[in-house]
């Protein structure tokens, strides 16, 4: 379902990587006038050096499918599984393998980006080939309603201040070497992502992919700087790069060394080496003229490729920005820019950054325990693998020892369940629901909230509703103690709030706008003490809790509606594990 702006908006996108081209394509499909600045032509990109080790997982693939990107590309090998193994300094090892719910894909950006550039031009977008600097961006700002910067080249990254609070490193934590190969011995278990780690040394991950010459295998070696795997500094040719790769695999990842024995470079430009410091930057850049521009993708959220989050973050950022731009009728001022980035950060990027940064450090004892548990318990392994698609799934148990133990215990308990919990959840997910955030306030004035799609009406007279909370939720004690709660029915543009409130932590309400208390007090039947109500929802219901029912691993809370408001709008819908938009049936 597409949103049509009240007037045609002109947007300039500087940078033609996966984020910039995805955003430009989506904007054109929504009727915007688009100028896309690329430092190379489609043909120059197609015949140039490889740009990344992109592995695109389910959530990002869904974005591409919705915009028609999938139809523009040749079919790449499906990555149907992931295997992981680690070797530690104390000599211990751990290994597991898990199928992916939906296959991942890897398409060389030298194929993808040119196809998108050509489609953008076909749809009427203006593609300008220029290595843009600050003056070029100034010109674009004078002639467009909005400028989005998705490349740091030409000094443009200097427009965006580093966010020290979210940037824990001041130097590269890995030295990466990327190689595209043909003739690699296939994985006998089938095509998938193979991930290896040697503590204190580095990592190696491989997967089949599709490159300009056809099918290939992609190898990425990540070395701890100064360690025994950091051997790429003096390499001067593709052939020397391949020889160094063979030596590195033979010494540290012998299972992969055997597979590349008869392999050769996919092409002369199929190698890349380098390092960078993971960084988060503030999203609003100020030009010398005082004009504001919006940063996107690697410009503002740059992760080490260790966990394969780069392309996924880029594509997801484009989807968040696309929704914000096409739903906005006012000026694209600094406040709007900050809010747009905040939605992406809180709804997606914060978890990818926290998880990736944690993998760059020596593992904590509880993290080792979780990985060891994954060897014995498929549910634990499946959750780790699912986190590569959506790093929010690692919160809070990857970062907290108590939560880790509770998580493992919960996964172990499901092994004796009557049905496979993942398959049952998939089946139940065929019932489409709305999405709510339920909130309350404790006696000390602290706010609590959690995402729930179990909300339902029970009775009109008296007006009763119910919702269910997991017994494992850290927020549940607050709701059990509170005598009132509010059910906030989210609008279609509030999926970031659904994700934000679905994890634990005091920061759930960070950046969330609440309906002012004086406005709530004017509603009929308003109680003296009201739970917090989120602004911008399609409806909210303030309720007095009337009953509790113990129900397996959940508690069902009943409430009588004391006040409500329903301004309406497009609701957020959840179906088959994904957020959806509702639309009127064509037969009605």
Protein backbone atom coordinates (compact mmCIF):
# COMPACT_ATOMS: atom_id res chain seq x y z
CA UNK A 1 0.00 0.00 0.00
CA UNK A 2 1.48 3.36 -1.05
CA UNK A 3 1.13 6.79 0.50
CA UNK A 4 0.74 9.66 -1.94
CA UNK A 5 2.13 12.97 -0.68
CA UNK A 6 -0.14 15.99 -0.75
CA UNK A 7 2.26 17.52 -3.26
CA UNK A 8 5.23 16.22 -5.19
CA UNK A 9 8.35 16.40 -3.03
CA UNK A 10 11.81 16.78 -4.52
CA UNK A 11 14.48 14.71 -2.81
CA UNK A 12 18.18 14.48 -3.60
CA UNK A 13 20.03 11.34 -2.49
CA UNK A 14 23.82 11.57 -2.45
CA UNK A 15 25.39 8.12 -2.66
CA UNK A 16 24.34 5.16 -4.80
CA UNK A 17 25.00 2.25 -2.47
CA UNK A 18 22.27 -0.18 -1.42
CA UNK A 19 20.66 2.40 0.90
CA UNK A 20 20.69 5.31 -1.53
CA UNK A 21 19.41 3.34 -4.51
CA UNK A 22 16.71 1.59 -2.47
CA UNK A 23 15.46 4.90 -1.08
CA UNK A 24 15.53 6.58 -4.48
CA UNK A 25 13.58 3.74 -6.07
CA UNK A 26 10.93 3.80 -3.35
CA UNK A 27 10.54 7.57 -3.54
CA UNK A 28 9.97 7.42 -7.30
CA UNK A 29 7.31 4.77 -6.78
CA UNK A 30 5.58 7.19 -4.38
CA UNK A 31 5.54 10.06 -6.86
CA UNK A 32 8.50 12.07 -5.60
CA UNK A 33 10.95 13.85 -7.87
CA UNK A 34 14.34 12.26 -7.23
CA UNK A 35 17.92 13.22 -8.00
CA UNK A 36 20.44 10.48 -7.22
CA UNK A 37 24.14 11.36 -7.17
CA UNK A 38 26.54 8.51 -7.90
CA UNK A 39 30.30 8.76 -8.13
CA UNK A 40 30.30 6.16 -10.94
CA UNK A 41 28.16 5.10 -13.86
CA UNK A 42 26.33 1.80 -13.81
CA UNK A 43 28.93 0.33 -16.15
CA UNK A 44 31.85 1.60 -14.07
CA UNK A 45 30.33 -0.05 -11.00
CA UNK A 46 29.68 -3.28 -12.90
CA UNK A 47 33.31 -3.54 -14.05
CA UNK A 48 34.89 -2.16 -10.87
CA UNK A 49 36.17 -3.63 -7.63
CA UNK A 50 33.91 -5.57 -5.27
CA UNK A 51 32.39 -3.34 -2.61
CA UNK A 52 31.25 -5.65 0.17
CA UNK A 53 30.51 -9.14 1.45
CA UNK A 54 26.79 -8.48 1.56
CA UNK A 55 24.53 -11.17 3.01
CA UNK A 56 20.89 -10.12 2.99
CA UNK A 57 18.56 -11.74 5.49
CA UNK A 58 14.79 -12.11 5.59
CA UNK A 59 13.74 -8.70 6.91
CA UNK A 60 15.79 -6.79 4.35
CA UNK A 61 14.77 -9.16 1.56
CA UNK A 62 11.13 -8.39 2.35
CA UNK A 63 11.83 -4.68 1.87
CA UNK A 64 13.48 -5.36 -1.47
CA UNK A 65 10.61 -7.58 -2.58
CA UNK A 66 8.04 -4.92 -1.68
CA UNK A 67 9.86 -2.38 -3.87
CA UNK A 68 10.36 -4.74 -6.80
CA UNK A 69 14.12 -4.99 -6.34
CA UNK A 70 13.99 -8.79 -6.33
CA UNK A 71 12.44 -8.79 -9.79
CA UNK A 72 15.31 -6.72 -11.18
CA UNK A 73 17.99 -9.23 -10.21
CA UNK A 74 19.00 -12.72 -11.39
CA UNK A 75 18.26 -15.45 -8.89
CA UNK A 76 21.08 -15.99 -6.40
CA UNK A 77 21.79 -19.20 -4.45
CA UNK A 78 19.50 -19.57 -1.41
CA UNK A 79 21.41 -19.72 1.86
CA UNK A 80 19.22 -22.16 3.72
CA UNK A 81 21.27 -22.76 6.85
CA UNK A 82 23.94 -21.36 9.11
CA UNK A 83 26.73 -23.24 10.85
CA UNK A 84 28.87 -21.79 13.62
CA UNK A 85 31.94 -23.01 15.43
CA UNK A 86 34.38 -21.43 17.85
CA UNK A 87 37.76 -22.38 19.28
CA UNK A 88 38.74 -20.69 22.54
CA UNK A 89 42.01 -19.88 24.24
CA UNK A 90 41.38 -22.51 26.89
CA UNK A 91 41.13 -25.18 24.19
CA UNK A 92 37.36 -25.64 24.45
CA UNK A 93 35.20 -25.66 21.33
CA UNK A 94 31.54 -25.29 20.44
CA UNK A 95 29.71 -25.88 17.17
CA UNK A 96 26.13 -26.00 15.92
CA UNK A 97 24.16 -25.72 12.68
CA UNK A 98 20.60 -24.46 12.19
CA UNK A 99 18.32 -24.04 9.16
CA UNK A 100 17.15 -20.50 8.41
CA UNK A 101 13.39 -19.93 8.48
CA UNK A 102 13.73 -18.04 5.18
CA UNK A 103 16.85 -18.37 3.00
CA UNK A 104 19.28 -15.47 2.95
CA UNK A 105 20.84 -14.26 -0.31
CA UNK A 106 24.09 -12.68 -1.42
CA UNK A 107 24.18 -10.67 -4.64
CA UNK A 108 27.34 -8.78 -5.60
CA UNK A 109 26.65 -5.04 -5.42
CA UNK A 110 28.29 -4.81 -8.82
CA UNK A 111 25.15 -6.57 -10.08
CA UNK A 112 22.57 -5.02 -7.78
CA UNK A 113 23.48 -1.35 -7.85
CA UNK A 114 23.67 -1.01 -11.67
CA UNK A 115 20.28 -2.72 -12.00
CA UNK A 116 18.78 -0.26 -9.52
CA UNK A 117 20.40 2.74 -11.20
CA UNK A 118 18.94 1.73 -14.55
CA UNK A 119 15.49 1.20 -13.02
CA UNK A 120 15.65 4.59 -11.31
CA UNK A 121 16.36 6.26 -14.64
CA UNK A 122 13.60 4.26 -16.32
CA UNK A 123 11.12 5.57 -13.73
CA UNK A 124 12.13 9.16 -14.43
CA UNK A 125 14.69 9.71 -11.73
CA UNK A 126 17.66 11.93 -12.49
CA UNK A 127 21.01 10.17 -11.99
CA UNK A 128 23.94 12.57 -11.75
CA UNK A 129 27.40 11.02 -12.04
CA UNK A 130 29.73 13.11 -9.92
CA UNK A 131 32.03 12.68 -6.95
CA UNK A 132 30.01 15.06 -4.80
CA UNK A 133 31.61 17.43 -2.33
CA UNK A 134 30.16 19.93 0.10
CA UNK A 135 29.55 22.55 -2.61
CA UNK A 136 27.59 20.04 -4.67
CA UNK A 137 25.42 19.27 -1.67
CA UNK A 138 24.89 23.00 -1.14
CA UNK A 139 23.56 23.24 -4.72
CA UNK A 140 21.24 20.30 -4.13
CA UNK A 141 19.94 21.81 -0.88
CA UNK A 142 18.99 25.00 -2.72
CA UNK A 143 16.96 23.12 -5.34
CA UNK A 144 15.39 20.24 -3.39
CA UNK A 145 13.02 19.91 -0.46
CA UNK A 146 15.31 17.38 1.20
CA UNK A 147 18.87 16.12 0.78
CA UNK A 148 19.79 12.67 2.12
CA UNK A 149 23.49 11.84 2.35
CA UNK A 150 24.35 8.14 2.21
CA UNK A 151 28.05 8.37 1.36
CA UNK A 152 30.93 9.72 3.37
CA UNK A 153 33.12 10.36 0.35
CA UNK A 154 34.14 13.85 -0.71
CA UNK A 155 34.45 14.91 2.93
CA UNK A 156 30.70 14.62 3.43
CA UNK A 157 31.07 12.49 6.55
CA UNK A 158 32.55 15.53 8.28
CA UNK A 159 29.11 17.12 8.17
CA UNK A 160 27.92 14.67 10.83
CA UNK A 161 29.18 14.82 14.40
CA UNK A 162 30.25 11.59 16.09
CA UNK A 163 27.83 10.37 18.75
CA UNK A 164 30.27 9.51 21.53
CA UNK A 165 27.57 7.90 23.67
CA UNK A 166 27.03 5.18 21.07
CA UNK A 167 30.60 4.88 19.73
CA UNK A 168 32.61 2.67 22.10
CA UNK A 169 35.72 2.32 19.92
CA UNK A 170 38.25 4.86 18.70
CA UNK A 171 40.19 2.50 16.41
CA UNK A 172 39.43 -0.44 14.08
CA UNK A 173 38.77 -3.69 15.91
CA UNK A 174 39.28 -5.96 12.89
CA UNK A 175 41.28 -6.01 9.65
CA UNK A 176 39.12 -7.55 6.93
CA UNK A 177 40.05 -9.39 3.74
CA UNK A 178 37.31 -10.19 1.22
CA UNK A 179 37.67 -12.67 -1.63
CA UNK A 180 35.26 -13.78 -4.37
CA UNK A 181 36.10 -17.31 -5.59
CA UNK A 182 34.94 -19.89 -8.07
CA UNK A 183 35.63 -23.60 -7.91
CA UNK A 184 35.10 -23.88 -4.15
CA UNK A 185 34.10 -27.33 -2.96
CA UNK A 186 30.39 -27.19 -2.06
CA UNK A 187 29.20 -27.56 1.50
CA UNK A 188 27.89 -31.15 1.73
CA UNK A 189 25.05 -29.96 3.97
CA UNK A 190 23.85 -27.53 1.32
CA UNK A 191 24.42 -23.84 0.62
CA UNK A 192 24.55 -21.68 3.72
CA UNK A 193 26.49 -19.23 5.83
CA UNK A 194 29.51 -20.89 7.48
CA UNK A 195 30.90 -18.93 10.43
CA UNK A 196 34.14 -19.76 12.28
CA UNK A 197 35.76 -18.00 15.23
CA UNK A 198 39.13 -18.43 16.90
CA UNK A 199 39.35 -16.49 20.15
CA UNK A 200 42.02 -13.81 20.12
CA UNK A 201 42.80 -14.46 16.44
CA UNK A 202 39.76 -13.57 14.36
CA UNK A 203 36.92 -14.95 12.31
CA UNK A 204 36.15 -16.38 8.89
CA UNK A 205 32.74 -16.55 7.27
CA UNK A 206 31.81 -17.86 3.86
CA UNK A 207 28.72 -18.26 1.72
CA UNK A 208 27.72 -18.91 -1.88
CA UNK A 209 26.76 -15.82 -3.82
CA UNK A 210 26.12 -14.40 -7.25
CA UNK A 211 28.70 -12.16 -8.89
CA UNK A 212 29.12 -10.53 -12.30
CA UNK A 213 30.46 -13.75 -13.80
CA UNK A 214 27.85 -16.03 -12.25
CA UNK A 215 27.78 -18.18 -9.10
CA UNK A 216 30.68 -17.78 -6.67
CA UNK A 217 31.70 -18.27 -3.07
CA UNK A 218 32.51 -15.31 -0.84
CA UNK A 219 35.19 -15.61 1.84
CA UNK A 220 35.70 -12.97 4.53
CA UNK A 221 38.59 -13.20 6.97
CA UNK A 222 38.49 -10.81 9.94
CA UNK A 223 41.75 -10.46 11.89
CA UNK A 224 42.29 -9.04 15.34
CA UNK A 225 44.70 -6.14 14.63
CA UNK A 226 48.28 -7.14 15.33
CA UNK A 227 47.33 -10.79 15.81
CA UNK A 228 48.50 -13.88 13.92
CA UNK A 229 45.77 -13.48 11.28
CA UNK A 230 46.66 -9.85 10.52
CA UNK A 231 48.82 -10.75 7.50
CA UNK A 232 47.39 -8.60 4.71
CA UNK A 233 49.35 -5.36 5.05
CA UNK A 234 51.97 -6.05 2.37
CA UNK A 235 49.71 -7.72 -0.22
CA UNK A 236 50.02 -5.96 -3.57
CA UNK A 237 48.14 -8.07 -6.15
CA UNK A 238 45.00 -10.24 -6.41
CA UNK A 239 47.17 -13.32 -6.89
CA UNK A 240 49.16 -12.57 -3.74
CA UNK A 241 45.88 -11.94 -1.92
CA UNK A 242 44.65 -15.43 -2.87
CA UNK A 243 47.93 -17.04 -1.81
CA UNK A 244 47.74 -15.27 1.55
CA UNK A 245 44.15 -16.44 1.97
CA UNK A 246 45.16 -20.05 1.40
CA UNK A 247 47.92 -19.76 4.01
CA UNK A 248 45.62 -18.08 6.55
CA UNK A 249 42.91 -20.71 6.13
CA UNK A 250 45.39 -23.56 6.36
CA UNK A 251 46.75 -22.25 9.67
CA UNK A 252 43.56 -21.12 11.39
CA UNK A 253 40.50 -22.50 9.53
CA UNK A 254 41.57 -25.86 8.05
CA UNK A 255 38.00 -26.93 7.29
CA UNK A 256 37.82 -24.06 4.78
CA UNK A 257 41.35 -24.58 3.46
CA UNK A 258 40.30 -27.93 2.03
CA UNK A 259 37.37 -26.35 0.21
CA UNK A 260 39.50 -23.75 -1.62
CA UNK A 261 42.24 -26.15 -2.73
CA UNK A 262 41.11 -26.02 -6.37
CA UNK A 263 39.49 -22.56 -6.29
CA UNK A 264 40.45 -19.46 -8.27
CA UNK A 265 39.53 -15.79 -8.16
CA UNK A 266 36.11 -15.04 -9.59
CA UNK A 267 37.61 -12.05 -11.40
CA UNK A 268 40.57 -9.71 -11.15
CA UNK A 269 38.53 -7.22 -9.14
CA UNK A 270 37.13 -9.77 -6.69
CA UNK A 271 39.33 -8.91 -3.69
CA UNK A 272 39.16 -6.18 -1.07
CA UNK A 273 41.11 -5.38 2.09
CA UNK A 274 40.72 -2.74 4.77
CA UNK A 275 39.57 -1.70 8.21
CA UNK A 276 37.52 1.04 9.81
CA UNK A 277 36.34 2.15 13.20
CA UNK A 278 32.71 1.30 14.05
CA UNK A 279 30.94 4.60 14.64
CA UNK A 280 27.53 6.17 15.17
CA UNK A 281 27.10 9.78 14.06
CA UNK A 282 24.38 12.32 14.68
CA UNK A 283 21.96 12.33 11.74
CA UNK A 284 21.55 16.07 11.10
CA UNK A 285 24.39 17.65 9.14
CA UNK A 286 24.80 21.39 8.76
CA UNK A 287 26.21 22.86 5.56
CA UNK A 288 28.30 26.07 5.57
CA UNK A 289 25.19 27.91 4.38
CA UNK A 290 23.27 26.70 7.43
CA UNK A 291 21.09 24.32 5.41
CA UNK A 292 20.42 20.94 7.04
CA UNK A 293 20.90 17.53 5.43
CA UNK A 294 19.95 14.07 6.69
CA UNK A 295 22.52 11.30 7.07
CA UNK A 296 21.64 7.69 6.28
CA UNK A 297 23.15 4.19 6.38
CA UNK A 298 26.94 3.93 6.83
CA UNK A 299 27.27 7.69 7.15
CA UNK A 300 25.54 7.60 10.52
CA UNK A 301 25.62 3.91 11.56
CA UNK A 302 28.79 2.08 10.55
CA UNK A 303 29.22 -1.47 11.84
CA UNK A 304 32.16 -3.80 11.40
CA UNK A 305 31.19 -6.49 8.84
CA UNK A 306 31.78 -9.16 11.50
CA UNK A 307 28.07 -9.95 11.89
CA UNK A 308 26.94 -9.23 8.30
CA UNK A 309 24.69 -6.34 9.35
CA UNK A 310 25.87 -3.74 6.81
CA UNK A 311 23.58 -4.39 3.84
CA UNK A 312 20.67 -5.22 6.13
CA UNK A 313 21.05 -1.97 8.06
CA UNK A 314 21.33 -0.05 4.79
CA UNK A 315 18.16 -1.52 3.32
CA UNK A 316 16.21 -1.22 6.57
CA UNK A 317 17.30 2.41 7.00
CA UNK A 318 16.02 3.13 3.49
CA UNK A 319 12.64 1.60 4.41
CA UNK A 320 12.35 3.67 7.61
CA UNK A 321 13.34 6.87 5.79
CA UNK A 322 11.01 6.12 2.87
CA UNK A 323 8.05 5.77 5.20
CA UNK A 324 8.92 8.96 7.07
CA UNK A 325 9.40 11.04 3.90
CA UNK A 326 6.26 9.90 2.10
CA UNK A 327 4.07 10.31 5.19
CA UNK A 328 5.27 13.86 5.88
CA UNK A 329 3.63 16.98 4.46
CA UNK A 330 5.51 19.68 6.35
CA UNK A 331 9.04 21.03 6.01
CA UNK A 332 11.93 18.61 6.38
CA UNK A 333 13.47 20.52 9.25
CA UNK A 334 16.12 19.43 11.76
CA UNK A 335 13.51 18.17 14.22
CA UNK A 336 11.92 15.97 11.57
CA UNK A 337 15.36 14.65 10.53
CA UNK A 338 16.27 13.76 14.10
CA UNK A 339 12.92 12.08 14.66
CA UNK A 340 13.27 10.06 11.45
CA UNK A 341 16.68 8.77 12.48
CA UNK A 342 15.50 8.10 16.02
CA UNK A 343 12.76 5.84 14.69
CA UNK A 344 15.34 3.87 12.73
CA UNK A 345 17.78 3.80 15.64
CA UNK A 346 15.27 2.72 18.27
CA UNK A 347 13.36 0.43 15.94
CA UNK A 348 16.33 -1.33 14.38
CA UNK A 349 19.91 -0.04 14.44
CA UNK A 350 20.54 0.14 18.19
CA UNK A 351 20.37 -3.64 18.51
CA UNK A 352 22.56 -4.33 15.47
CA UNK A 353 25.20 -1.94 16.85
CA UNK A 354 25.15 -3.28 20.40
CA UNK A 355 25.32 -6.90 19.28
CA UNK A 356 28.05 -6.35 16.66
CA UNK A 357 30.16 -4.29 19.05
CA UNK A 358 29.86 -7.04 21.66
CA UNK A 359 31.21 -9.61 19.18
CA UNK A 360 34.29 -7.45 18.70
CA UNK A 361 35.16 -7.93 22.38
CA UNK A 362 36.20 -11.08 24.23
CA UNK A 363 33.04 -12.98 25.12
CA UNK A 364 31.58 -12.75 28.62
CA UNK A 365 31.15 -15.97 30.67
CA UNK A 366 27.38 -15.96 30.25
CA UNK A 367 27.75 -15.54 26.48
CA UNK A 368 30.00 -18.59 26.35
CA UNK A 369 27.43 -20.50 28.38
CA UNK A 370 24.72 -19.58 25.88
CA UNK A 371 26.85 -20.72 22.93
CA UNK A 372 27.64 -23.97 24.76
CA UNK A 373 23.93 -24.43 25.41
CA UNK A 374 23.25 -23.93 21.70
CA UNK A 375 25.30 -27.06 20.98
CA UNK A 376 22.91 -29.13 23.12
CA UNK A 377 19.62 -27.28 22.63
CA UNK A 378 18.32 -26.47 19.12
CA UNK A 379 16.04 -23.71 20.41
CA UNK A 380 18.98 -21.73 21.75
CA UNK A 381 20.90 -22.20 18.49
CA UNK A 382 17.86 -21.16 16.45
CA UNK A 383 17.51 -17.92 18.42
CA UNK A 384 21.17 -17.04 17.86
CA UNK A 385 20.86 -17.65 14.13
CA UNK A 386 17.57 -15.70 13.93
CA UNK A 387 19.38 -12.78 15.54
CA UNK A 388 21.52 -12.36 12.43
CA UNK A 389 18.33 -11.24 10.69
CA UNK A 390 16.99 -9.20 13.61
CA UNK A 391 19.50 -8.41 16.35
CA UNK A 392 16.69 -7.27 18.66
CA UNK A 393 16.22 -10.97 19.41
CA UNK A 394 19.49 -10.90 21.39
CA UNK A 395 18.07 -8.48 23.92
CA UNK A 396 18.31 -8.80 26.86
CA UNK A 397 19.83 -12.24 27.27
CA UNK A 398 23.02 -11.66 25.26
CA UNK A 399 23.93 -8.69 27.46
CA UNK A 400 22.82 -9.81 30.92
CA UNK A 401 23.89 -12.93 32.83
CA UNK A 402 20.60 -13.42 34.71
CA UNK A 403 18.58 -12.94 31.54
CA UNK A 404 20.87 -15.41 29.74
CA UNK A 405 20.23 -18.11 32.31
CA UNK A 406 16.48 -17.49 32.19
CA UNK A 407 16.56 -17.57 28.39
CA UNK A 408 18.36 -20.91 28.26
CA UNK A 409 16.01 -22.38 30.89
CA UNK A 410 13.00 -21.23 28.89
CA UNK A 411 14.37 -22.78 25.69
CA UNK A 412 15.16 -26.06 27.46
CA UNK A 413 11.64 -26.18 28.90
CA UNK A 414 10.08 -25.90 25.43
CA UNK A 415 11.86 -29.09 24.34
CA UNK A 416 9.30 -31.13 26.27
CA UNK A 417 6.36 -29.21 24.80
CA UNK A 418 3.68 -31.10 22.90
CA UNK A 419 4.35 -29.17 19.70
CA UNK A 420 7.43 -27.61 18.14
CA UNK A 421 7.20 -24.08 19.60
CA UNK A 422 8.60 -22.39 16.46
CA UNK A 423 6.18 -24.17 14.16
CA UNK A 424 3.25 -23.55 16.51
CA UNK A 425 4.17 -19.87 16.66
CA UNK A 426 4.27 -19.82 12.86
CA UNK A 427 0.83 -21.42 12.68
CA UNK A 428 -0.69 -19.05 15.25
CA UNK A 429 0.86 -16.17 13.34
CA UNK A 430 -1.50 -16.86 10.46
CA UNK A 431 -4.14 -15.09 12.54
CA UNK A 432 -3.60 -11.40 11.78
CA UNK A 433 -3.79 -9.03 14.74
CA UNK A 434 -3.34 -5.42 15.57
CA UNK A 435 -0.34 -4.34 17.65
CA UNK A 436 -0.60 -2.58 21.01
CA UNK A 437 1.70 -1.17 23.64
CA UNK A 438 0.28 -1.64 27.13
CA UNK A 439 1.49 0.87 29.73
CA UNK A 440 1.21 1.48 33.46
CA UNK A 441 2.77 3.59 36.18
CA UNK A 442 3.96 2.35 39.56
CA UNK A 443 3.62 4.02 42.97
CA UNK A 444 6.95 5.80 42.50
CA UNK A 445 5.89 7.33 39.20
CA UNK A 446 8.02 5.04 37.03
CA UNK A 447 6.56 4.15 33.66
CA UNK A 448 6.34 0.62 32.36
CA UNK A 449 5.32 -0.71 28.98
CA UNK A 450 5.35 -3.80 26.81
CA UNK A 451 4.25 -4.72 23.30
CA UNK A 452 1.26 -7.07 23.07
CA UNK A 453 -0.86 -8.37 20.21
CA UNK A 454 -3.05 -10.47 22.51
CA UNK A 455 -5.45 -7.57 23.19
CA UNK A 456 -9.13 -8.24 22.60
CA UNK A 457 -12.54 -6.92 23.54
CA UNK A 458 -14.46 -9.13 25.99
CA UNK A 459 -17.71 -7.29 26.78
CA UNK A 460 -19.47 -4.05 25.87
CA UNK A 461 -21.64 -3.91 28.97
CA UNK A 462 -19.73 -3.60 31.14
CA UNK A 463 -16.87 -2.52 28.80
CA UNK A 464 -14.19 -5.17 29.41
CA UNK A 465 -10.96 -5.98 27.57
CA UNK A 466 -8.10 -8.41 28.15
CA UNK A 467 -4.49 -8.91 27.16
CA UNK A 468 -1.83 -11.47 28.06
CA UNK A 469 1.69 -10.97 29.39
CA UNK A 470 4.47 -13.54 29.47
CA UNK A 471 5.48 -14.59 32.97
CA UNK A 472 9.11 -14.15 31.91
CA UNK A 473 8.61 -10.44 31.16
CA UNK A 474 10.62 -8.19 33.52
CA UNK A 475 7.76 -5.67 33.33
CA UNK A 476 5.08 -8.06 34.56
CA UNK A 477 5.51 -7.36 38.31
CA UNK A 478 4.75 -3.69 37.68
CA UNK A 479 1.51 -4.54 35.88
CA UNK A 480 0.51 -6.99 38.60
CA UNK A 481 1.00 -4.27 41.22
CA UNK A 482 -0.73 -1.49 39.28
CA UNK A 483 -4.48 -1.14 39.50
CA UNK A 484 -4.75 0.56 36.10
CA UNK A 485 -3.24 0.13 32.63
CA UNK A 486 -3.62 1.71 29.20
CA UNK A 487 -3.82 -0.15 25.90
CA UNK A 488 -2.35 1.90 23.04
CA UNK A 489 -3.33 0.64 19.58
CA UNK A 490 -0.44 1.49 17.28
CA UNK A 491 -0.73 3.26 13.94
CA UNK A 492 0.93 1.93 10.81
CA UNK A 493 3.87 4.34 11.16
CA UNK A 494 4.59 3.28 14.76
CA UNK A 495 6.20 -0.12 14.19
CA UNK A 496 9.39 1.31 15.73
CA UNK A 497 7.45 1.67 19.00
CA UNK A 498 6.35 -1.94 18.79
CA UNK A 499 9.99 -3.00 18.59
CA UNK A 500 11.13 -0.48 21.18
CA UNK A 501 8.65 -1.73 23.79
CA UNK A 502 9.24 -5.40 23.02
CA UNK A 503 12.55 -5.51 24.89
CA UNK A 504 13.48 -4.85 28.49
CA UNK A 505 15.14 -1.75 29.87
CA UNK A 506 14.38 1.63 31.33
CA UNK A 507 15.00 3.32 27.97
CA UNK A 508 11.71 2.07 26.52
CA UNK A 509 10.12 5.50 26.89
CA UNK A 510 13.18 7.35 25.55
CA UNK A 511 12.07 9.69 22.78
CA UNK A 512 8.42 8.64 23.10
CA UNK A 513 5.84 11.43 23.00
CA UNK A 514 3.00 11.03 25.50
CA UNK A 515 -0.43 12.61 25.48
CA UNK A 516 -0.29 15.49 28.02
CA UNK A 517 -1.97 14.77 31.33
CA UNK A 518 -4.28 17.78 31.04
CA UNK A 519 -5.65 16.48 27.75
CA UNK A 520 -6.28 13.07 29.29
CA UNK A 521 -8.06 14.68 32.22
CA UNK A 522 -10.61 16.20 29.84
CA UNK A 523 -11.74 12.81 28.57
CA UNK A 524 -15.04 11.51 29.96
CA UNK A 525 -14.60 9.08 32.83
CA UNK A 526 -10.94 9.96 33.31
CA UNK A 527 -9.52 8.60 36.54
CA UNK A 528 -7.50 10.71 38.93
CA UNK A 529 -4.39 8.63 38.24
CA UNK A 530 -3.89 7.77 34.60
CA UNK A 531 -1.34 5.40 33.06
CA UNK A 532 0.87 6.93 30.34
CA UNK A 533 -0.76 7.17 26.91
CA UNK A 534 1.26 7.25 23.68
CA UNK A 535 0.63 10.04 21.21
CA UNK A 536 -0.28 9.29 17.59
CA UNK A 537 -2.07 5.98 18.14
CA UNK A 538 -5.27 5.07 16.32
CA UNK A 539 -6.94 4.40 19.69
CA UNK A 540 -6.19 4.05 23.37
CA UNK A 541 -8.14 2.60 26.28
CA UNK A 542 -7.51 3.52 29.92
CA UNK A 543 -8.59 0.62 32.09
CA UNK A 544 -9.04 -0.36 35.72
CA UNK A 545 -7.70 -3.87 36.24
CA UNK A 546 -10.50 -6.17 37.36
CA UNK A 547 -9.09 -9.69 37.27
CA UNK A 548 -6.02 -11.88 36.70
CA UNK A 549 -6.01 -15.41 35.29
CA UNK A 550 -3.01 -17.73 35.36
CA UNK A 551 -2.68 -19.24 31.87
CA UNK A 552 0.33 -21.49 31.28
CA UNK A 553 3.41 -19.37 30.61
CA UNK A 554 1.30 -16.18 30.51
CA UNK A 555 -0.94 -14.16 32.80
CA UNK A 556 -4.20 -12.81 31.38
CA UNK A 557 -5.13 -9.33 32.67
CA UNK A 558 -8.72 -8.15 32.45
CA UNK A 559 -9.66 -4.51 32.65
CA UNK A 560 -12.76 -2.32 32.60
CA UNK A 561 -12.50 0.67 30.26
CA UNK A 562 -12.73 3.94 32.19
CA UNK A 563 -11.87 6.29 29.33
CA UNK A 564 -10.88 5.98 25.71
CA UNK A 565 -10.15 7.94 22.55
CA UNK A 566 -10.12 6.66 18.98
CA UNK A 567 -8.95 9.26 16.46
CA UNK A 568 -8.61 6.49 13.87
CA UNK A 569 -6.18 6.11 11.01
CA UNK A 570 -4.27 3.24 9.46
CA UNK A 571 -3.49 0.58 12.09
CA UNK A 572 -0.33 -1.47 12.38
CA UNK A 573 -1.02 -5.13 11.60
CA UNK A 574 1.04 -8.20 12.48
CA UNK A 575 0.76 -11.35 10.40
CA UNK A 576 3.03 -14.34 9.78
CA UNK A 577 5.89 -12.88 11.77
CA UNK A 578 5.95 -9.50 10.00
CA UNK A 579 4.41 -6.06 10.28
CA UNK A 580 1.77 -5.37 7.66
CA UNK A 581 -0.49 -2.58 6.44
CA UNK A 582 -4.26 -2.91 6.33
CA UNK A 583 -6.14 -2.02 3.16
CA UNK A 584 -9.77 -2.20 2.13
CA UNK A 585 -10.73 -5.43 0.37
CA UNK A 586 -11.17 -4.78 -3.38
CA UNK A 587 -14.50 -6.63 -3.43
CA UNK A 588 -16.03 -4.35 -0.80
